[in-house]
Each structure stands twice: as C-alpha cells, then as structure tokens.
Amino acid sequence: NGFDFKIEPEAPPTQRVKLVSAPASKNWTFGKDDIEEMVFMLTDSPNVMCRPTRIRMMFASRSCRKSVMIGTPLNKSEMKKLVCHMGEIEQPWNCPHGRPTMRHLFNLDMLPS
C-alpha cells in the first residue's frame, strides 16, 4: 500500500511502530486517517489485500482519466478491442466512480424482424 513501518518490539508501548514513509502521488497525500482505516480493515479481514478509501479514490480517478472519453472517435478494431476488454471486467456498466460507461442507442425490440 506504500506505507512503510519500522517495528521496534523493545521500545516503549507508544513508540514500537514508527511510520518510515507514506505514499504520495501527484496531488494525493496520505496520512494518519488512511493508516487508521487500513489497520481497521486488516483487523476485520487479515488475509485480504486492503486499500484505504482515499487510495481507491485515487486509482478510480486515474483510471477514468486514462479511459476512452465520450466523443473520442474509434476505428472498428479499437471498438472490438474495447468491447472484448469490457467482457473481462466484473462490472463493465459503470466506471470506478459509478458513472455509466454505455449509452442506450435504440430498443432492439423496435427493429424489424
């Protein structure tokens, strides 16, 4: 998760764990609240990879910025690749922020048989 701790078992109880480094990325900085959330998550689910909310928000923001934007022209090959990749995603209907990734163009029931 980018947090680095130094553990000194022989130190006094309030000084046994020291934060050596914390993740930072462009405009995002992480600190005490993120560590507290991560400790809570690890306590709740010790064998699960955990990421504090703000780190997930950062990843979501970055993934949206790197994605295909509305109005971007795509050729047929790019369209096929995009649809294939969407088939590999757990929830392809929304971006990580919850915005829709697809647009309803027409009702298939209205097509002539």
PDB file of N, CA and C in Angstrom:
ATOM      1  N   ASN A   1       0.800  -1.205   0.000  1.00  0.00           N
ATOM      2  CA  ASN A   1       0.000   0.000   0.000  1.00  0.00           C
ATOM      3  C   ASN A   1       0.842   1.269   0.000  1.00  0.00           C
ATOM      4  N   GLY A   2       2.143   1.128   0.092  1.00  0.00           N
ATOM      5  CA  GLY A   2       3.006   2.299   0.060  1.00  0.00           C
ATOM      6  C   GLY A   2       3.392   2.825   1.423  1.00  0.00           C
ATOM      7  N   PHE A   3       2.752   2.347   2.478  1.00  0.00           N
ATOM      8  CA  PHE A   3       3.146   2.739   3.826  1.00  0.00           C
ATOM      9  C   PHE A   3       4.292   1.833   4.257  1.00  0.00           C
ATOM     10  N   ASP A   4       5.309   2.403   4.880  1.00  0.00           N
ATOM     11  CA  ASP A   4       6.445   1.610   5.352  1.00  0.00           C
ATOM     12  C   ASP A   4       6.620   1.894   6.835  1.00  0.00           C
ATOM     13  N   PHE A   5       6.640   0.835   7.634  1.00  0.00           N
ATOM     14  CA  PHE A   5       6.744   0.979   9.078  1.00  0.00           C
ATOM     15  C   PHE A   5       8.018   0.318   9.587  1.00  0.00           C
ATOM     16  N   LYS A   6       8.554   0.856  10.667  1.00  0.00           N
ATOM     17  CA  LYS A   6       9.680   0.236  11.357  1.00  0.00           C
ATOM     18  C   LYS A   6       9.138  -0.221  12.706  1.00  0.00           C
ATOM     19  N   ILE A   7       9.330  -1.508  13.006  1.00  0.00           N
ATOM     20  CA  ILE A   7       8.809  -2.068  14.252  1.00  0.00           C
ATOM     21  C   ILE A   7       9.966  -2.333  15.200  1.00  0.00           C
ATOM     22  N   GLU A   8       9.873  -1.765  16.409  1.00  0.00           N
ATOM     23  CA  GLU A   8      10.883  -1.942  17.449  1.00  0.00           C
ATOM     24  C   GLU A   8      10.204  -2.553  18.673  1.00  0.00           C
ATOM     25  N   PRO A   9      10.189  -3.897  18.775  1.00  0.00           N
ATOM     26  CA  PRO A   9       9.465  -4.578  19.856  1.00  0.00           C
ATOM     27  C   PRO A   9       9.925  -4.189  21.264  1.00  0.00           C
ATOM     28  N   GLU A  10      11.177  -3.774  21.420  1.00  0.00           N
ATOM     29  CA  GLU A  10      11.711  -3.450  22.746  1.00  0.00           C
ATOM     30  C   GLU A  10      11.428  -2.009  23.169  1.00  0.00           C
ATOM     31  N   ALA A  11      10.924  -1.194  22.283  1.00  0.00           N
ATOM     32  CA  ALA A  11      10.639   0.211  22.599  1.00  0.00           C
ATOM     33  C   ALA A  11       9.418   0.306  23.514  1.00  0.00           C
ATOM     34  N   PRO A  12       9.234   1.462  24.175  1.00  0.00           N
ATOM     35  CA  PRO A  12       8.029   1.651  25.000  1.00  0.00           C
ATOM     36  C   PRO A  12       6.771   1.453  24.145  1.00  0.00           C
ATOM     37  N   PRO A  13       5.649   1.031  24.761  1.00  0.00           N
ATOM     38  CA  PRO A  13       4.437   0.694  24.008  1.00  0.00           C
ATOM     39  C   PRO A  13       3.981   1.739  22.982  1.00  0.00           C
ATOM     40  N   THR A  14       4.108   3.008  23.284  1.00  0.00           N
ATOM     41  CA  THR A  14       3.624   4.032  22.346  1.00  0.00           C
ATOM     42  C   THR A  14       4.647   4.383  21.267  1.00  0.00           C
ATOM     43  N   GLN A  15       5.806   3.698  21.273  1.00  0.00           N
ATOM     44  CA  GLN A  15       6.862   4.010  20.310  1.00  0.00           C
ATOM     45  C   GLN A  15       7.355   2.776  19.548  1.00  0.00           C
ATOM     46  N   ARG A  16       6.615   1.693  19.595  1.00  0.00           N
ATOM     47  CA  ARG A  16       7.063   0.443  18.967  1.00  0.00           C
ATOM     48  C   ARG A  16       6.936   0.446  17.446  1.00  0.00           C
ATOM     49  N   VAL A  17       5.972   1.158  16.941  1.00  0.00           N
ATOM     50  CA  VAL A  17       5.767   1.206  15.492  1.00  0.00           C
ATOM     51  C   VAL A  17       5.965   2.648  15.029  1.00  0.00           C
ATOM     52  N   LYS A  18       6.876   2.811  14.067  1.00  0.00           N
ATOM     53  CA  LYS A  18       7.140   4.145  13.524  1.00  0.00           C
ATOM     54  C   LYS A  18       6.853   4.141  12.027  1.00  0.00           C
ATOM     55  N   LEU A  19       6.211   5.183  11.575  1.00  0.00           N
ATOM     56  CA  LEU A  19       5.952   5.351  10.149  1.00  0.00           C
ATOM     57  C   LEU A  19       7.225   5.888   9.503  1.00  0.00           C
ATOM     58  N   VAL A  20       7.788   5.113   8.572  1.00  0.00           N
ATOM     59  CA  VAL A  20       9.029   5.498   7.898  1.00  0.00           C
ATOM     60  C   VAL A  20       8.714   6.259   6.614  1.00  0.00           C
ATOM     61  N   SER A  21       7.705   5.802   5.872  1.00  0.00           N
ATOM     62  CA  SER A  21       7.308   6.514   4.653  1.00  0.00           C
ATOM     63  C   SER A  21       5.828   6.280   4.378  1.00  0.00           C
ATOM     64  N   ALA A  22       5.223   7.269   3.733  1.00  0.00           N
ATOM     65  CA  ALA A  22       3.807   7.192   3.365  1.00  0.00           C
ATOM     66  C   ALA A  22       3.695   7.454   1.869  1.00  0.00           C
ATOM     67  N   PRO A  23       2.717   6.836   1.214  1.00  0.00           N
ATOM     68  CA  PRO A  23       2.577   7.047  -0.227  1.00  0.00           C
ATOM     69  C   PRO A  23       2.141   8.480  -0.538  1.00  0.00           C
ATOM     70  N   ALA A  24       2.624   8.974  -1.639  1.00  0.00           N
ATOM     71  CA  ALA A  24       2.203  10.275  -2.164  1.00  0.00           C
ATOM     72  C   ALA A  24       2.203  10.146  -3.678  1.00  0.00           C
ATOM     73  N   SER A  25       1.241  10.754  -4.301  1.00  0.00           N
ATOM     74  CA  SER A  25       1.147  10.658  -5.753  1.00  0.00           C
ATOM     75  C   SER A  25       0.514  11.926  -6.300  1.00  0.00           C
ATOM     76  N   LYS A  26       1.305  12.705  -7.011  1.00  0.00           N
ATOM     77  CA  LYS A  26       0.847  13.986  -7.572  1.00  0.00           C
ATOM     78  C   LYS A  26       0.140  14.802  -6.499  1.00  0.00           C
ATOM     79  N   ASN A  27      -1.157  15.034  -6.631  1.00  0.00           N
ATOM     80  CA  ASN A  27      -1.887  15.871  -5.673  1.00  0.00           C
ATOM     81  C   ASN A  27      -2.419  15.096  -4.472  1.00  0.00           C
ATOM     82  N   TRP A  28      -2.159  13.812  -4.421  1.00  0.00           N
ATOM     83  CA  TRP A  28      -2.687  12.975  -3.347  1.00  0.00           C
ATOM     84  C   TRP A  28      -1.602  12.731  -2.299  1.00  0.00           C
ATOM     85  N   THR A  29      -1.927  12.989  -1.032  1.00  0.00           N
ATOM     86  CA  THR A  29      -1.030  12.626   0.069  1.00  0.00           C
ATOM     87  C   THR A  29      -1.854  11.819   1.061  1.00  0.00           C
ATOM     88  N   PHE A  30      -1.193  10.911   1.728  1.00  0.00           N
ATOM     89  CA  PHE A  30      -1.886  10.005   2.636  1.00  0.00           C
ATOM     90  C   PHE A  30      -1.244  10.086   4.013  1.00  0.00           C
ATOM     91  N   GLY A  31      -2.031   9.873   5.037  1.00  0.00           N
ATOM     92  CA  GLY A  31      -1.501  10.019   6.386  1.00  0.00           C
ATOM     93  C   GLY A  31      -2.247   9.226   7.431  1.00  0.00           C
ATOM     94  N   LYS A  32      -2.363   9.828   8.618  1.00  0.00           N
ATOM     95  CA  LYS A  32      -2.887   9.173   9.817  1.00  0.00           C
ATOM     96  C   LYS A  32      -4.261   8.530   9.605  1.00  0.00           C
ATOM     97  N   ASP A  33      -5.198   9.269   9.040  1.00  0.00           N
ATOM     98  CA  ASP A  33      -6.552   8.723   8.842  1.00  0.00           C
ATOM     99  C   ASP A  33      -6.544   7.497   7.933  1.00  0.00           C
ATOM    100  N   ASP A  34      -5.692   7.527   6.912  1.00  0.00           N
ATOM    101  CA  ASP A  34      -5.593   6.394   5.985  1.00  0.00           C
ATOM    102  C   ASP A  34      -4.989   5.176   6.685  1.00  0.00           C
ATOM    103  N   ILE A  35      -4.012   5.419   7.554  1.00  0.00           N
ATOM    104  CA  ILE A  35      -3.394   4.322   8.318  1.00  0.00           C
ATOM    105  C   ILE A  35      -4.422   3.711   9.262  1.00  0.00           C
ATOM    106  N   GLU A  36      -5.181   4.568   9.955  1.00  0.00           N
ATOM    107  CA  GLU A  36      -6.207   4.059  10.876  1.00  0.00           C
ATOM    108  C   GLU A  36      -7.234   3.209  10.132  1.00  0.00           C
ATOM    109  N   GLU A  37      -7.646   3.660   8.954  1.00  0.00           N
ATOM    110  CA  GLU A  37      -8.605   2.883   8.159  1.00  0.00           C
ATOM    111  C   GLU A  37      -7.998   1.549   7.739  1.00  0.00           C
ATOM    112  N   MET A  38      -6.725   1.583   7.334  1.00  0.00           N
ATOM    113  CA  MET A  38      -6.058   0.356   6.898  1.00  0.00           C
ATOM    114  C   MET A  38      -5.925  -0.635   8.060  1.00  0.00           C
ATOM    115  N   VAL A  39      -5.583  -0.143   9.254  1.00  0.00           N
ATOM    116  CA  VAL A  39      -5.479  -1.018  10.433  1.00  0.00           C
ATOM    117  C   VAL A  39      -6.836  -1.647  10.731  1.00  0.00           C
ATOM    118  N   PHE A  40      -7.903  -0.856  10.671  1.00  0.00           N
ATOM    119  CA  PHE A  40      -9.250  -1.382  10.887  1.00  0.00           C
ATOM    120  C   PHE A  40      -9.572  -2.462   9.859  1.00  0.00           C
ATOM    121  N   MET A  41      -9.241  -2.207   8.586  1.00  0.00           N
ATOM    122  CA  MET A  41      -9.518  -3.176   7.520  1.00  0.00           C
ATOM    123  C   MET A  41      -8.728  -4.465   7.732  1.00  0.00           C
ATOM    124  N   LEU A  42      -7.460  -4.340   8.126  1.00  0.00           N
ATOM    125  CA  LEU A  42      -6.631  -5.528   8.366  1.00  0.00           C
ATOM    126  C   LEU A  42      -7.139  -6.322   9.565  1.00  0.00           C
ATOM    127  N   THR A  43      -7.632  -5.622  10.578  1.00  0.00           N
ATOM    128  CA  THR A  43      -8.189  -6.295  11.754  1.00  0.00           C
ATOM    129  C   THR A  43      -9.455  -7.051  11.377  1.00  0.00           C
ATOM    130  N   ASP A  44     -10.260  -6.427  10.536  1.00  0.00           N
ATOM    131  CA  ASP A  44     -11.532  -7.012  10.116  1.00  0.00           C
ATOM    132  C   ASP A  44     -11.337  -8.187   9.154  1.00  0.00           C
ATOM    133  N   SER A  45     -10.371  -8.078   8.244  1.00  0.00           N
ATOM    134  CA  SER A  45     -10.103  -9.121   7.242  1.00  0.00           C
ATOM    135  C   SER A  45      -8.593  -9.277   7.075  1.00  0.00           C
ATOM    136  N   PRO A  46      -7.953 -10.029   7.971  1.00  0.00           N
ATOM    137  CA  PRO A  46      -6.484 -10.092   7.992  1.00  0.00           C
ATOM    138  C   PRO A  46      -5.814 -10.672   6.745  1.00  0.00           C
ATOM    139  N   ASN A  47      -6.463 -11.526   6.004  1.00  0.00           N
ATOM    140  CA  ASN A  47      -5.817 -12.170   4.854  1.00  0.00           C
ATOM    141  C   ASN A  47      -6.246 -11.583   3.514  1.00  0.00           C
ATOM    142  N   VAL A  48      -6.788 -10.380   3.543  1.00  0.00           N
ATOM    143  CA  VAL A  48      -7.290  -9.750   2.329  1.00  0.00           C
ATOM    144  C   VAL A  48      -6.458  -8.505   2.032  1.00  0.00           C
ATOM    145  N   MET A  49      -6.117  -8.323   0.744  1.00  0.00           N
ATOM    146  CA  MET A  49      -5.401  -7.112   0.343  1.00  0.00           C
ATOM    147  C   MET A  49      -6.322  -5.926   0.579  1.00  0.00           C
ATOM    148  N   CYS A  50      -5.873  -4.955   1.330  1.00  0.00           N
ATOM    149  CA  CYS A  50      -6.741  -3.813   1.620  1.00  0.00           C
ATOM    150  C   CYS A  50      -6.131  -2.519   1.098  1.00  0.00           C
ATOM    151  N   ARG A  51      -7.010  -1.639   0.678  1.00  0.00           N
ATOM    152  CA  ARG A  51      -6.600  -0.306   0.239  1.00  0.00           C
ATOM    153  C   ARG A  51      -7.560   0.689   0.877  1.00  0.00           C
ATOM    154  N   PRO A  52      -7.035   1.664   1.593  1.00  0.00           N
ATOM    155  CA  PRO A  52      -7.910   2.684   2.181  1.00  0.00           C
ATOM    156  C   PRO A  52      -8.736   3.396   1.108  1.00  0.00           C
ATOM    157  N   THR A  53      -9.852   3.953   1.529  1.00  0.00           N
ATOM    158  CA  THR A  53     -10.796   4.608   0.629  1.00  0.00           C
ATOM    159  C   THR A  53     -10.130   5.643  -0.267  1.00  0.00           C
ATOM    160  N   ARG A  54      -9.271   6.485   0.308  1.00  0.00           N
ATOM    161  CA  ARG A  54      -8.653   7.552  -0.493  1.00  0.00           C
ATOM    162  C   ARG A  54      -7.727   6.986  -1.564  1.00  0.00           C
ATOM    163  N   ILE A  55      -7.088   5.854  -1.297  1.00  0.00           N
ATOM    164  CA  ILE A  55      -6.228   5.232  -2.310  1.00  0.00           C
ATOM    165  C   ILE A  55      -7.095   4.676  -3.441  1.00  0.00           C
ATOM    166  N   ARG A  56      -8.223   4.044  -3.090  1.00  0.00           N
ATOM    167  CA  ARG A  56      -9.148   3.560  -4.125  1.00  0.00           C
ATOM    168  C   ARG A  56      -9.692   4.723  -4.951  1.00  0.00           C
ATOM    169  N   MET A  57      -9.977   5.857  -4.286  1.00  0.00           N
ATOM    170  CA  MET A  57     -10.458   7.045  -4.999  1.00  0.00           C
ATOM    171  C   MET A  57      -9.408   7.554  -5.990  1.00  0.00           C
ATOM    172  N   MET A  58      -8.139   7.526  -5.574  1.00  0.00           N
ATOM    173  CA  MET A  58      -7.063   7.972  -6.455  1.00  0.00           C
ATOM    174  C   MET A  58      -6.976   7.069  -7.684  1.00  0.00           C
ATOM    175  N   PHE A  59      -7.020   5.743  -7.459  1.00  0.00           N
ATOM    176  CA  PHE A  59      -6.963   4.806  -8.585  1.00  0.00           C
ATOM    177  C   PHE A  59      -8.161   4.991  -9.512  1.00  0.00           C
ATOM    178  N   ALA A  60      -9.344   5.199  -8.932  1.00  0.00           N
ATOM    179  CA  ALA A  60     -10.550   5.408  -9.742  1.00  0.00           C
ATOM    180  C   ALA A  60     -10.403   6.657 -10.601  1.00  0.00           C
ATOM    181  N   SER A  61      -9.900   7.710 -10.008  1.00  0.00           N
ATOM    182  CA  SER A  61      -9.707   8.960 -10.746  1.00  0.00           C
ATOM    183  C   SER A  61      -8.729   8.772 -11.896  1.00  0.00           C
ATOM    184  N   ARG A  62      -7.643   8.083 -11.616  1.00  0.00           N
ATOM    185  CA  ARG A  62      -6.635   7.857 -12.662  1.00  0.00           C
ATOM    186  C   ARG A  62      -7.176   6.982 -13.787  1.00  0.00           C
ATOM    187  N   SER A  63      -7.922   5.939 -13.423  1.00  0.00           N
ATOM    188  CA  SER A  63      -8.432   5.045 -14.467  1.00  0.00           C
ATOM    189  C   SER A  63      -9.418   5.776 -15.367  1.00  0.00           C
ATOM    190  N   CYS A  64     -10.211   6.669 -14.796  1.00  0.00           N
ATOM    191  CA  CYS A  64     -11.144   7.444 -15.625  1.00  0.00           C
ATOM    192  C   CYS A  64     -10.388   8.371 -16.564  1.00  0.00           C
ATOM    193  N   ARG A  65      -9.351   8.997 -16.080  1.00  0.00           N
ATOM    194  CA  ARG A  65      -8.572   9.932 -16.908  1.00  0.00           C
ATOM    195  C   ARG A  65      -7.872   9.218 -18.060  1.00  0.00           C
ATOM    196  N   LYS A  66      -7.552   7.942 -17.879  1.00  0.00           N
ATOM    197  CA  LYS A  66      -6.850   7.180 -18.914  1.00  0.00           C
ATOM    198  C   LYS A  66      -7.810   6.483 -19.871  1.00  0.00           C
ATOM    199  N   SER A  67      -9.100   6.529 -19.569  1.00  0.00           N
ATOM    200  CA  SER A  67     -10.060   5.778 -20.379  1.00  0.00           C
ATOM    201  C   SER A  67     -10.481   6.553 -21.623  1.00  0.00           C
ATOM    202  N   VAL A  68     -11.230   5.877 -22.479  1.00  0.00           N
ATOM    203  CA  VAL A  68     -11.764   6.498 -23.693  1.00  0.00           C
ATOM    204  C   VAL A  68     -12.874   7.457 -23.266  1.00  0.00           C
ATOM    205  N   MET A  69     -12.778   8.688 -23.699  1.00  0.00           N
ATOM    206  CA  MET A  69     -13.763   9.708 -23.318  1.00  0.00           C
ATOM    207  C   MET A  69     -14.899   9.775 -24.347  1.00  0.00           C
ATOM    208  N   ILE A  70     -16.039  10.278 -23.908  1.00  0.00           N
ATOM    209  CA  ILE A  70     -17.190  10.458 -24.795  1.00  0.00           C
ATOM    210  C   ILE A  70     -16.771  11.343 -25.962  1.00  0.00           C
ATOM    211  N   GLY A  71     -17.135  10.931 -27.157  1.00  0.00           N
ATOM    212  CA  GLY A  71     -16.824  11.720 -28.342  1.00  0.00           C
ATOM    213  C   GLY A  71     -15.502  11.365 -29.000  1.00  0.00           C
ATOM    214  N   THR A  72     -14.723  10.478 -28.364  1.00  0.00           N
ATOM    215  CA  THR A  72     -13.454  10.067 -28.965  1.00  0.00           C
ATOM    216  C   THR A  72     -13.743   9.143 -30.142  1.00  0.00           C
ATOM    217  N   PRO A  73     -13.292   9.499 -31.346  1.00  0.00           N
ATOM    218  CA  PRO A  73     -13.538   8.621 -32.494  1.00  0.00           C
ATOM    219  C   PRO A  73     -12.697   7.343 -32.402  1.00  0.00           C
ATOM    220  N   LEU A  74     -13.326   6.206 -32.665  1.00  0.00           N
ATOM    221  CA  LEU A  74     -12.641   4.911 -32.640  1.00  0.00           C
ATOM    222  C   LEU A  74     -12.840   4.217 -33.978  1.00  0.00           C
ATOM    223  N   ASN A  75     -11.806   3.505 -34.424  1.00  0.00           N
ATOM    224  CA  ASN A  75     -11.990   2.696 -35.629  1.00  0.00           C
ATOM    225  C   ASN A  75     -12.564   1.343 -35.208  1.00  0.00           C
ATOM    226  N   LYS A  76     -12.922   0.509 -36.174  1.00  0.00           N
ATOM    227  CA  LYS A  76     -13.586  -0.767 -35.881  1.00  0.00           C
ATOM    228  C   LYS A  76     -12.727  -1.662 -34.992  1.00  0.00           C
ATOM    229  N   SER A  77     -11.426  -1.703 -35.240  1.00  0.00           N
ATOM    230  CA  SER A  77     -10.514  -2.524 -34.443  1.00  0.00           C
ATOM    231  C   SER A  77     -10.493  -2.061 -32.984  1.00  0.00           C
ATOM    232  N   GLU A  78     -10.449  -0.751 -32.773  1.00  0.00           N
ATOM    233  CA  GLU A  78     -10.445  -0.206 -31.409  1.00  0.00           C
ATOM    234  C   GLU A  78     -11.766  -0.503 -30.701  1.00  0.00           C
ATOM    235  N   MET A  79     -12.866  -0.440 -31.447  1.00  0.00           N
ATOM    236  CA  MET A  79     -14.176  -0.745 -30.869  1.00  0.00           C
ATOM    237  C   MET A  79     -14.244  -2.197 -30.417  1.00  0.00           C
ATOM    238  N   LYS A  80     -13.773  -3.112 -31.275  1.00  0.00           N
ATOM    239  CA  LYS A  80     -13.793  -4.543 -30.933  1.00  0.00           C
ATOM    240  C   LYS A  80     -12.945  -4.801 -29.690  1.00  0.00           C
ATOM    241  N   LYS A  81     -11.766  -4.193 -29.652  1.00  0.00           N
ATOM    242  CA  LYS A  81     -10.858  -4.361 -28.513  1.00  0.00           C
ATOM    243  C   LYS A  81     -11.519  -3.867 -27.225  1.00  0.00           C
ATOM    244  N   LEU A  82     -12.179  -2.718 -27.294  1.00  0.00           N
ATOM    245  CA  LEU A  82     -12.854  -2.141 -26.137  1.00  0.00           C
ATOM    246  C   LEU A  82     -13.965  -3.056 -25.625  1.00  0.00           C
ATOM    247  N   VAL A  83     -14.785  -3.575 -26.543  1.00  0.00           N
ATOM    248  CA  VAL A  83     -15.881  -4.474 -26.155  1.00  0.00           C
ATOM    249  C   VAL A  83     -15.325  -5.764 -25.555  1.00  0.00           C
ATOM    250  N   CYS A  84     -14.250  -6.308 -26.124  1.00  0.00           N
ATOM    251  CA  CYS A  84     -13.624  -7.525 -25.579  1.00  0.00           C
ATOM    252  C   CYS A  84     -13.110  -7.284 -24.162  1.00  0.00           C
ATOM    253  N   HIS A  85     -12.457  -6.147 -23.948  1.00  0.00           N
ATOM    254  CA  HIS A  85     -11.944  -5.827 -22.610  1.00  0.00           C
ATOM    255  C   HIS A  85     -13.082  -5.645 -21.605  1.00  0.00           C
ATOM    256  N   MET A  86     -14.178  -5.051 -22.045  1.00  0.00           N
ATOM    257  CA  MET A  86     -15.317  -4.859 -21.142  1.00  0.00           C
ATOM    258  C   MET A  86     -15.896  -6.199 -20.709  1.00  0.00           C
ATOM    259  N   GLY A  87     -15.771  -7.212 -21.567  1.00  0.00           N
ATOM    260  CA  GLY A  87     -16.242  -8.548 -21.224  1.00  0.00           C
ATOM    261  C   GLY A  87     -15.419  -9.204 -20.128  1.00  0.00           C
ATOM    262  N   GLU A  88     -14.250  -8.661 -19.839  1.00  0.00           N
ATOM    263  CA  GLU A  88     -13.366  -9.213 -18.806  1.00  0.00           C
ATOM    264  C   GLU A  88     -13.519  -8.500 -17.462  1.00  0.00           C
ATOM    265  N   ILE A  89     -14.293  -7.430 -17.432  1.00  0.00           N
ATOM    266  CA  ILE A  89     -14.460  -6.627 -16.219  1.00  0.00           C
ATOM    267  C   ILE A  89     -15.654  -7.139 -15.421  1.00  0.00           C
ATOM    268  N   GLU A  90     -15.533  -7.121 -14.086  1.00  0.00           N
ATOM    269  CA  GLU A  90     -16.630  -7.582 -13.224  1.00  0.00           C
ATOM    270  C   GLU A  90     -17.888  -6.743 -13.405  1.00  0.00           C
ATOM    271  N   GLN A  91     -17.741  -5.430 -13.438  1.00  0.00           N
ATOM    272  CA  GLN A  91     -18.893  -4.537 -13.566  1.00  0.00           C
ATOM    273  C   GLN A  91     -18.635  -3.526 -14.685  1.00  0.00           C
ATOM    274  N   PRO A  92     -18.819  -3.937 -15.933  1.00  0.00           N
ATOM    275  CA  PRO A  92     -18.495  -3.047 -17.052  1.00  0.00           C
ATOM    276  C   PRO A  92     -19.489  -1.905 -17.266  1.00  0.00           C
ATOM    277  N   TRP A  93     -20.599  -1.907 -16.549  1.00  0.00           N
ATOM    278  CA  TRP A  93     -21.660  -0.933 -16.811  1.00  0.00           C
ATOM    279  C   TRP A  93     -21.365   0.437 -16.218  1.00  0.00           C
ATOM    280  N   ASN A  94     -20.425   0.506 -15.286  1.00  0.00           N
ATOM    281  CA  ASN A  94     -20.094   1.775 -14.643  1.00  0.00           C
ATOM    282  C   ASN A  94     -18.587   1.920 -14.502  1.00  0.00           C
ATOM    283  N   CYS A  95     -18.119   3.162 -14.515  1.00  0.00           N
ATOM    284  CA  CYS A  95     -16.701   3.423 -14.259  1.00  0.00           C
ATOM    285  C   CYS A  95     -16.460   3.281 -12.750  1.00  0.00           C
ATOM    286  N   PRO A  96     -15.213   3.327 -12.287  1.00  0.00           N
ATOM    287  CA  PRO A  96     -14.952   3.202 -10.848  1.00  0.00           C
ATOM    288  C   PRO A  96     -15.656   4.258  -9.993  1.00  0.00           C
ATOM    289  N   HIS A  97     -16.008   5.408 -10.588  1.00  0.00           N
ATOM    290  CA  HIS A  97     -16.730   6.444  -9.848  1.00  0.00           C
ATOM    291  C   HIS A  97     -18.233   6.197  -9.825  1.00  0.00           C
ATOM    292  N   GLY A  98     -18.713   5.244 -10.628  1.00  0.00           N
ATOM    293  CA  GLY A  98     -20.140   4.963 -10.686  1.00  0.00           C
ATOM    294  C   GLY A  98     -20.847   5.567 -11.887  1.00  0.00           C
ATOM    295  N   ARG A  99     -20.114   6.295 -12.708  1.00  0.00           N
ATOM    296  CA  ARG A  99     -20.734   6.875 -13.906  1.00  0.00           C
ATOM    297  C   ARG A  99     -20.979   5.781 -14.941  1.00  0.00           C
ATOM    298  N   PRO A 100     -22.058   5.892 -15.718  1.00  0.00           N
ATOM    299  CA  PRO A 100     -22.319   4.874 -16.742  1.00  0.00           C
ATOM    300  C   PRO A 100     -21.229   4.862 -17.812  1.00  0.00           C
ATOM    301  N   THR A 101     -20.921   3.668 -18.308  1.00  0.00           N
ATOM    302  CA  THR A 101     -19.901   3.530 -19.354  1.00  0.00           C
ATOM    303  C   THR A 101     -20.532   3.279 -20.714  1.00  0.00           C
ATOM    304  N   MET A 102     -21.847   3.119 -20.744  1.00  0.00           N
ATOM    305  CA  MET A 102     -22.535   2.819 -22.000  1.00  0.00           C
ATOM    306  C   MET A 102     -23.720   3.750 -22.167  1.00  0.00           C
ATOM    307  N   ARG A 103     -24.153   3.841 -23.394  1.00  0.00           N
ATOM    308  CA  ARG A 103     -25.299   4.695 -23.693  1.00  0.00           C
ATOM    309  C   ARG A 103     -26.321   3.895 -24.484  1.00  0.00           C
ATOM    310  N   HIS A 104     -27.586   4.029 -24.102  1.00  0.00           N
ATOM    311  CA  HIS A 104     -28.684   3.359 -24.798  1.00  0.00           C
ATOM    312  C   HIS A 104     -28.916   4.076 -26.123  1.00  0.00           C
ATOM    313  N   LEU A 105     -28.757   3.361 -27.228  1.00  0.00           N
ATOM    314  CA  LEU A 105     -28.918   3.973 -28.550  1.00  0.00           C
ATOM    315  C   LEU A 105     -30.307   3.745 -29.127  1.00  0.00           C
ATOM    316  N   PHE A 106     -30.801   2.506 -29.007  1.00  0.00           N
ATOM    317  CA  PHE A 106     -32.135   2.211 -29.506  1.00  0.00           C
ATOM    318  C   PHE A 106     -32.610   0.911 -28.884  1.00  0.00           C
ATOM    319  N   ASN A 107     -33.911   0.666 -28.999  1.00  0.00           N
ATOM    320  CA  ASN A 107     -34.543  -0.521 -28.451  1.00  0.00           C
ATOM    321  C   ASN A 107     -34.524  -1.616 -29.515  1.00  0.00           C
ATOM    322  N   LEU A 108     -33.877  -2.740 -29.218  1.00  0.00           N
ATOM    323  CA  LEU A 108     -33.785  -3.843 -30.182  1.00  0.00           C
ATOM    324  C   LEU A 108     -35.156  -4.401 -30.552  1.00  0.00           C
ATOM    325  N   ASP A 109     -36.127  -4.296 -29.639  1.00  0.00           N
ATOM    326  CA  ASP A 109     -37.479  -4.783 -29.922  1.00  0.00           C
ATOM    327  C   ASP A 109     -38.151  -3.981 -31.039  1.00  0.00           C
ATOM    328  N   MET A 110     -37.662  -2.797 -31.299  1.00  0.00           N
ATOM    329  CA  MET A 110     -38.272  -1.943 -32.321  1.00  0.00           C
ATOM    330  C   MET A 110     -37.686  -2.186 -33.713  1.00  0.00           C
ATOM    331  N   LEU A 111     -36.669  -3.048 -33.805  1.00  0.00           N
ATOM    332  CA  LEU A 111     -36.090  -3.381 -35.111  1.00  0.00           C
ATOM    333  C   LEU A 111     -37.045  -4.298 -35.875  1.00  0.00           C
ATOM    334  N   PRO A 112     -37.134  -4.129 -37.178  1.00  0.00           N
ATOM    335  CA  PRO A 112     -37.999  -5.036 -37.952  1.00  0.00           C
ATOM    336  C   PRO A 112     -37.452  -6.462 -37.900  1.00  0.00           C
ATOM    337  N   SER A 113     -38.340  -7.435 -37.880  1.00  0.00           N
ATOM    338  CA  SER A 113     -37.931  -8.844 -37.789  1.00  0.00           C
ATOM    339  C   SER A 113     -37.336  -9.335 -39.085  1.00  0.00           C
TER     340      SER A 113
END
